Protein backbone atom coordinates (compact mmCIF):
# COMPACT_ATOMS: atom_id res chain seq x y z
CA MET A 1 -126.81 71.08 108.99
CA THR A 2 -123.21 69.98 108.42
CA GLU A 3 -122.86 67.38 105.69
CA ARG A 4 -121.18 64.21 106.97
CA ARG A 5 -118.06 62.94 105.23
CA PRO A 6 -118.72 59.56 103.58
CA LEU A 7 -117.25 56.67 105.57
CA THR A 8 -114.98 54.03 104.12
CA TYR A 9 -114.02 50.55 105.27
CA ARG A 10 -110.63 51.98 106.25
CA ASP A 11 -112.38 54.43 108.59
CA ALA A 12 -113.79 51.38 110.38
CA GLY A 13 -110.32 49.92 110.79
CA VAL A 14 -110.02 47.56 107.81
CA ASP A 15 -107.38 48.35 105.19
CA ILE A 16 -108.04 46.33 102.02
CA ASP A 17 -104.95 47.79 100.36
CA ALA A 18 -102.77 46.45 103.17
CA GLY A 19 -104.24 43.00 102.64
CA ASP A 20 -103.49 43.17 98.93
CA ALA A 21 -99.94 44.34 99.66
CA LEU A 22 -99.44 41.37 101.97
CA VAL A 23 -100.55 38.90 99.29
CA GLU A 24 -98.10 40.35 96.79
CA ARG A 25 -95.29 40.34 99.34
CA ILE A 26 -95.67 36.67 100.27
CA ARG A 27 -96.35 35.37 96.75
CA PRO A 28 -92.67 34.53 95.95
CA ARG A 29 -92.29 32.56 99.21
CA VAL A 30 -95.51 30.68 98.58
CA ALA A 31 -94.36 29.76 95.06
CA LEU A 32 -91.41 27.85 96.54
CA THR A 33 -93.81 25.39 98.22
CA MET A 34 -95.73 24.31 95.11
CA ARG A 35 -96.23 20.65 94.20
CA PRO A 36 -97.23 19.18 90.82
CA GLU A 37 -100.63 18.17 92.22
CA VAL A 38 -101.64 21.83 92.68
CA LEU A 39 -103.84 23.08 89.81
CA ALA A 40 -104.84 26.38 91.42
CA GLY A 41 -103.56 27.90 94.64
CA VAL A 42 -103.25 31.35 96.19
CA GLY A 43 -105.50 34.04 94.74
CA GLY A 44 -108.62 32.06 93.87
CA PHE A 45 -111.69 31.38 95.94
CA GLY A 46 -110.56 27.80 96.48
CA ALA A 47 -107.44 25.76 95.85
CA MET A 48 -107.59 22.79 93.48
CA ILE A 49 -105.50 19.68 94.07
CA GLU A 50 -105.33 16.72 91.69
CA LEU A 51 -104.48 13.15 92.66
CA PRO A 52 -102.79 12.00 89.43
CA PRO A 53 -103.96 8.60 88.14
CA GLY A 54 -101.39 5.89 88.75
CA ARG A 55 -99.52 7.72 91.50
CA TRP A 56 -101.65 6.08 94.19
CA ARG A 57 -103.62 2.83 94.00
CA ARG A 58 -106.00 3.26 96.95
CA PRO A 59 -105.34 6.77 98.29
CA VAL A 60 -106.66 7.73 101.71
CA LEU A 61 -106.74 11.42 102.65
CA VAL A 62 -105.60 12.35 106.16
CA ALA A 63 -106.50 15.80 107.53
CA GLY A 64 -105.29 17.72 110.55
CA THR A 65 -105.89 21.15 112.02
CA ASP A 66 -104.28 23.02 114.91
CA GLY A 67 -102.97 26.33 116.17
CA VAL A 68 -99.91 27.58 118.03
CA GLY A 69 -101.58 28.19 121.39
CA THR A 70 -100.32 30.74 123.88
CA LYS A 71 -96.79 30.57 122.49
CA LEU A 72 -98.20 33.35 120.30
CA ARG A 73 -98.50 35.56 123.38
CA LEU A 74 -94.79 35.18 124.02
CA ALA A 75 -94.05 35.81 120.34
CA ILE A 76 -96.05 39.04 120.39
CA ASP A 77 -94.63 40.22 123.72
CA THR A 78 -91.02 39.60 122.62
CA GLY A 79 -91.41 40.62 118.97
CA ARG A 80 -90.29 37.17 117.77
CA HIS A 81 -92.66 36.43 114.89
CA ASP A 82 -90.41 34.53 112.48
CA GLY A 83 -90.73 31.02 113.90
CA VAL A 84 -94.41 30.72 114.83
CA GLY A 85 -95.40 30.02 111.23
CA GLN A 86 -93.20 26.92 111.28
CA ASP A 87 -94.82 26.01 114.61
CA LEU A 88 -98.21 26.15 112.94
CA VAL A 89 -97.23 23.86 110.07
CA ALA A 90 -95.44 21.46 112.39
CA MET A 91 -98.41 21.00 114.69
CA CYS A 92 -100.52 19.92 111.72
CA ALA A 93 -98.04 18.13 109.44
CA ASN A 94 -96.48 16.12 112.29
CA ASP A 95 -99.98 14.89 113.20
CA VAL A 96 -100.72 13.88 109.61
CA VAL A 97 -97.48 11.91 109.17
CA VAL A 98 -98.29 9.84 112.27
CA GLN A 99 -100.73 7.87 110.08
CA GLY A 100 -98.03 7.45 107.44
CA ALA A 101 -99.45 10.19 105.21
CA GLU A 102 -97.41 12.47 103.00
CA PRO A 103 -98.63 16.07 103.49
CA LEU A 104 -99.97 17.47 100.22
CA PHE A 105 -101.20 20.95 100.99
CA PHE A 106 -101.67 23.47 103.80
CA LEU A 107 -103.91 26.47 104.41
CA ASP A 108 -103.54 29.09 107.14
CA TYR A 109 -105.82 31.55 108.93
CA TYR A 110 -104.29 34.78 110.26
CA ALA A 111 -106.57 37.07 112.26
CA THR A 112 -105.71 40.43 113.80
CA GLY A 113 -107.27 43.69 114.92
CA LYS A 114 -105.13 45.90 112.70
CA LEU A 115 -103.03 44.36 109.95
CA SER A 116 -99.29 45.00 110.10
CA VAL A 117 -97.97 43.91 106.71
CA GLU A 118 -94.47 43.61 108.17
CA VAL A 119 -95.46 41.29 111.03
CA ALA A 120 -97.87 39.23 108.92
CA ALA A 121 -95.25 38.80 106.19
CA ARG A 122 -92.76 37.47 108.78
CA VAL A 123 -95.33 35.03 110.13
CA ILE A 124 -96.40 33.77 106.70
CA ALA A 125 -92.78 33.47 105.56
CA GLY A 126 -92.40 31.09 108.50
CA ILE A 127 -95.45 29.16 107.34
CA ALA A 128 -93.96 28.86 103.86
CA HIS A 129 -90.66 27.67 105.30
CA GLY A 130 -92.50 25.08 107.38
CA CYS A 131 -94.31 23.87 104.29
CA GLU A 132 -90.98 23.46 102.49
CA LEU A 133 -89.67 21.39 105.40
CA ALA A 134 -92.82 19.24 105.36
CA GLY A 135 -92.89 18.96 101.57
CA CYS A 136 -96.42 20.32 101.27
CA ALA A 137 -97.79 23.19 99.18
CA LEU A 138 -99.11 26.36 100.77
CA VAL A 139 -102.17 26.70 98.57
CA GLY A 140 -104.04 29.51 100.27
CA GLY A 141 -105.32 30.99 103.46
CA GLU A 142 -107.25 33.85 104.98
CA THR A 143 -106.01 37.12 106.44
CA ALA A 144 -108.78 38.63 108.56
CA GLU A 145 -108.58 42.18 109.87
CA MET A 146 -111.17 42.45 112.65
CA PRO A 147 -111.02 45.67 114.67
CA GLY A 148 -112.53 45.30 118.12
CA MET A 149 -111.87 41.56 118.25
CA TYR A 150 -108.13 41.73 119.02
CA ALA A 151 -106.31 44.26 121.17
CA GLY A 152 -103.28 46.24 120.03
CA ASP A 153 -100.84 44.18 117.97
CA ASP A 154 -102.40 40.82 118.90
CA TYR A 155 -103.03 38.19 116.24
CA ASP A 156 -104.07 34.55 116.13
CA LEU A 157 -103.15 31.65 113.87
CA ALA A 158 -104.80 28.42 112.79
CA GLY A 159 -103.82 25.92 110.12
CA PHE A 160 -105.19 22.99 108.15
CA CYS A 161 -103.19 20.24 106.46
CA VAL A 162 -104.21 17.38 104.16
CA GLY A 163 -102.01 14.41 103.33
CA VAL A 164 -102.38 11.14 101.45
CA VAL A 165 -101.37 7.56 102.21
CA GLU A 166 -101.93 4.24 100.48
CA LYS A 167 -104.62 2.36 102.36
CA ASP A 168 -102.38 -0.66 102.91
CA ARG A 169 -99.57 1.60 104.20
CA ILE A 170 -101.57 3.31 106.96
CA ILE A 171 -99.73 3.33 110.29
CA ASP A 172 -102.38 2.69 112.95
CA GLY A 173 -100.55 0.90 115.77
CA SER A 174 -102.36 -2.39 115.21
CA ARG A 175 -99.07 -4.25 114.61
CA VAL A 176 -97.42 -3.12 117.84
CA ARG A 177 -96.30 -5.99 120.08
CA ALA A 178 -94.87 -6.26 123.59
CA GLY A 179 -91.09 -6.07 123.41
CA ASP A 180 -91.04 -3.61 120.49
CA ALA A 181 -88.53 -0.78 120.76
CA VAL A 182 -89.60 2.81 121.41
CA VAL A 183 -87.37 5.20 119.47
CA GLY A 184 -87.42 8.84 120.52
CA LEU A 185 -86.67 11.72 118.15
CA ALA A 186 -85.29 14.79 119.89
CA SER A 187 -87.39 17.93 120.09
CA SER A 188 -86.07 21.43 119.46
CA GLY A 189 -87.48 22.64 122.78
CA PRO A 190 -90.99 22.91 124.24
CA HIS A 191 -92.36 23.11 120.68
CA SER A 192 -95.89 24.59 121.00
CA ASN A 193 -97.18 23.05 124.21
CA GLY A 194 -97.31 24.08 127.85
CA TYR A 195 -96.87 27.79 127.20
CA SER A 196 -99.56 28.92 129.60
CA LEU A 197 -97.41 27.39 132.34
CA ILE A 198 -94.17 28.62 130.77
CA ARG A 199 -95.48 32.19 130.57
CA ARG A 200 -96.47 32.02 134.24
CA LEU A 201 -92.93 30.90 135.10
CA VAL A 202 -91.50 33.79 133.06
CA ALA A 203 -93.69 36.22 134.99
CA GLU A 204 -93.00 34.72 138.43
CA THR A 205 -89.22 34.54 137.95
CA GLY A 206 -88.99 37.97 136.34
CA ALA A 207 -87.18 36.49 133.35
CA GLY A 208 -86.47 38.95 130.56
CA PRO A 209 -84.35 39.56 127.46
CA GLY A 210 -81.17 39.33 129.54
CA THR A 211 -81.97 35.95 131.08
CA ARG A 212 -79.63 33.26 129.80
CA ILE A 213 -79.43 29.49 130.14
CA ASP A 214 -75.90 28.18 129.63
CA GLY A 215 -75.06 31.33 127.69
CA THR A 216 -78.12 31.27 125.39
CA PRO A 217 -80.96 33.79 125.83
CA LEU A 218 -83.91 32.06 127.50
CA PHE A 219 -86.37 33.54 125.00
CA ASP A 220 -84.34 32.07 122.11
CA LEU A 221 -84.75 28.63 123.67
CA LEU A 222 -88.45 29.09 124.39
CA MET A 223 -89.22 30.44 120.91
CA GLU A 224 -87.27 27.81 118.96
CA PRO A 225 -89.68 26.58 116.24
CA THR A 226 -91.25 23.14 116.46
CA ARG A 227 -89.22 20.49 114.67
CA ILE A 228 -90.86 19.00 111.56
CA TYR A 229 -90.24 15.25 111.30
CA VAL A 230 -92.14 14.52 108.10
CA LYS A 231 -89.45 13.80 105.50
CA PRO A 232 -87.19 11.58 107.68
CA LEU A 233 -90.17 9.52 108.83
CA LEU A 234 -91.58 9.05 105.32
CA THR A 235 -88.15 7.91 104.14
CA LEU A 236 -87.85 5.51 107.08
CA ALA A 237 -91.31 4.09 106.41
CA ARG A 238 -90.14 3.03 102.95
CA THR A 239 -87.25 0.96 104.31
CA LEU A 240 -88.65 -0.75 107.41
CA GLU A 241 -91.92 -1.34 109.24
CA LEU A 242 -93.03 1.56 111.40
CA ARG A 243 -95.53 -0.04 113.75
CA ALA A 244 -96.68 3.20 115.38
CA LEU A 245 -95.84 6.90 115.52
CA ALA A 246 -96.83 9.35 118.24
CA HIS A 247 -96.48 13.12 117.99
CA VAL A 248 -95.69 14.34 121.50
CA THR A 249 -97.88 17.43 121.85
CA GLY A 250 -100.38 18.51 124.53
CA GLY A 251 -100.51 15.71 127.09
CA GLY A 252 -96.79 15.08 126.87
CA LEU A 253 -95.17 11.67 126.82
CA THR A 254 -97.59 9.93 129.13
CA ASP A 255 -100.81 10.85 127.33
CA ASN A 256 -99.78 10.77 123.66
CA ILE A 257 -98.01 7.42 123.36
CA PRO A 258 -101.04 5.38 124.56
CA ARG A 259 -103.15 6.96 121.79
CA VAL A 260 -101.37 4.80 119.19
CA LEU A 261 -101.10 1.53 121.13
CA PRO A 262 -103.52 -1.42 121.04
CA ALA A 263 -105.56 -2.17 124.15
CA GLY A 264 -103.58 -4.02 126.78
CA LEU A 265 -100.21 -2.53 125.82
CA GLY A 266 -98.22 0.32 127.29
CA ALA A 267 -94.66 1.59 127.33
CA ARG A 268 -91.81 1.81 129.79
CA LEU A 269 -89.45 4.72 129.09
CA GLU A 270 -85.97 5.01 130.54
CA ARG A 271 -85.47 8.66 131.47
CA ARG A 272 -81.66 8.41 131.35
CA ALA A 273 -81.79 7.19 127.74
CA TRP A 274 -82.11 10.65 126.21
CA ARG A 275 -80.47 14.01 126.73
CA ARG A 276 -82.63 16.68 128.30
CA ALA A 277 -81.58 20.21 127.34
CA PRO A 278 -80.96 22.76 130.13
CA VAL A 279 -84.17 24.67 129.31
CA TRP A 280 -86.13 21.77 130.81
CA ASP A 281 -84.21 22.09 134.07
CA TRP A 282 -85.06 25.81 134.16
CA ILE A 283 -88.74 25.06 133.59
CA GLN A 284 -88.92 22.30 136.21
CA SER A 285 -86.92 24.09 138.89
CA SER A 286 -88.63 27.46 138.35
CA GLY A 287 -92.01 25.96 139.17
CA ALA A 288 -90.91 23.10 141.46
CA ILE A 289 -92.81 20.91 138.97
CA ALA A 290 -93.12 17.22 139.77
CA ASP A 291 -91.71 14.70 137.30
CA ALA A 292 -95.17 13.28 136.53
CA GLU A 293 -96.51 16.76 135.74
CA MET A 294 -93.52 17.49 133.48
CA HIS A 295 -94.07 14.27 131.53
CA ARG A 296 -97.79 14.96 131.12
CA THR A 297 -97.43 18.64 130.14
CA PHE A 298 -94.28 18.80 128.00
CA ASN A 299 -92.38 16.70 125.48
CA CYS A 300 -89.34 16.87 127.83
CA GLY A 301 -86.94 16.56 124.90
CA ILE A 302 -88.75 13.92 122.79
CA GLY A 303 -90.92 15.45 120.05
CA MET A 304 -91.85 12.27 118.18
CA VAL A 305 -91.90 8.58 119.09
CA ALA A 306 -91.56 5.68 116.65
CA VAL A 307 -92.34 2.09 117.60
CA VAL A 308 -90.40 -0.54 115.64
CA ALA A 309 -89.54 -4.19 116.08
CA ALA A 310 -86.60 -4.53 118.46
CA ALA A 311 -84.53 -6.05 115.65
CA ASP A 312 -85.11 -2.92 113.50
CA ALA A 313 -84.16 -0.37 116.17
CA GLY A 314 -80.50 -0.08 115.14
CA ALA A 315 -81.33 0.42 111.47
CA ALA A 316 -84.01 2.99 112.34
CA ILE A 317 -81.60 5.03 114.44
CA ARG A 318 -78.91 4.92 111.74
CA GLU A 319 -81.33 6.16 109.08
CA LEU A 320 -82.80 8.88 111.26
CA THR A 321 -79.33 10.06 112.29
CA ALA A 322 -78.26 10.19 108.65
CA ALA A 323 -81.33 12.36 107.97
CA GLY A 324 -80.23 14.86 110.63
CA GLU A 325 -82.36 13.68 113.54
CA GLN A 326 -81.15 12.92 117.05
CA ALA A 327 -82.70 9.51 117.69
CA THR A 328 -82.21 6.90 120.37
CA VAL A 329 -84.02 3.93 121.91
CA VAL A 330 -85.82 5.39 124.92
CA GLY A 331 -87.85 2.39 126.05
CA GLU A 332 -89.91 -0.63 125.11
CA ILE A 333 -93.52 -1.69 124.72
CA THR A 334 -94.90 -3.57 127.74
CA PRO A 335 -97.91 -5.85 128.33
CA ALA A 336 -99.32 -3.34 130.84
CA GLU A 337 -101.35 -0.29 129.74
CA GLY A 338 -100.13 3.24 130.34
CA VAL A 339 -96.73 4.90 130.06
CA GLN A 340 -94.20 4.65 132.86
CA VAL A 341 -91.14 6.91 132.87
CA VAL A 342 -88.46 5.49 135.15
């Protein structure tokens, strides 16, 4: 009888050494995201975060979790892995700041069938960059190599963010009034929403690496990372009253704005008030998509909405512009529920 060679975990498709190599490779990028509240981060079984006495009077923790959705499919198919990490952070940190919270720390989950240290390092470098933009520490995560669960080079991402806000500084929409101004902050593109439809349009139109929109490769426009609005909004919240914030994600303009408005109030948006980049025209015309469907599926050029008193709108736009944002008044709050884009 032939003696069987002893099996190892690597024989089953899991390379522990590759995982260790990944941790060492990303450690310098992770170190750039650290905050003074972090007592123990990457490498332990759990991260430890301290809320220093005196820094906050009545701190409230705000948590958010999300993924990147099927934009990952396009990233994998086109080999564009560098921006999806920022997408992951943005989808969580932009949600947390909507309540007025300052993001403190972030954790990620990266799962794949066979770990490519090169690809994973590119993805996690993007996560670290996103954390720098959001001002939060990347304190840990999980890299799971699971053969048989993912095909080929496929991988998936999830993230978790925790922020803190003073209880009396929570932004909850309760102070919104009819006549308030709706300020729109420009998006960098489709962000991380609507990609199941976008991928279908890519397939149906036969779009490829050579497809260009106004001279720019279509895939560059579609894979532009989600804009992170955290720092400009936190700065603005210290200088004037932000009555409500809405992160325009799945559900688009028409479904996300009502989430932060009191009962009985809605919004009327003036479509001509903001610039819509050519990529939106390609998306809409490629699928003969109705305006209402566009506004419910995509951000259509507005990635974040701030509601302020009409008298504060000019100051808000000046401050946001000085911080590098493209901001404009895109509408007003109305006595009628729902969002109307005219």
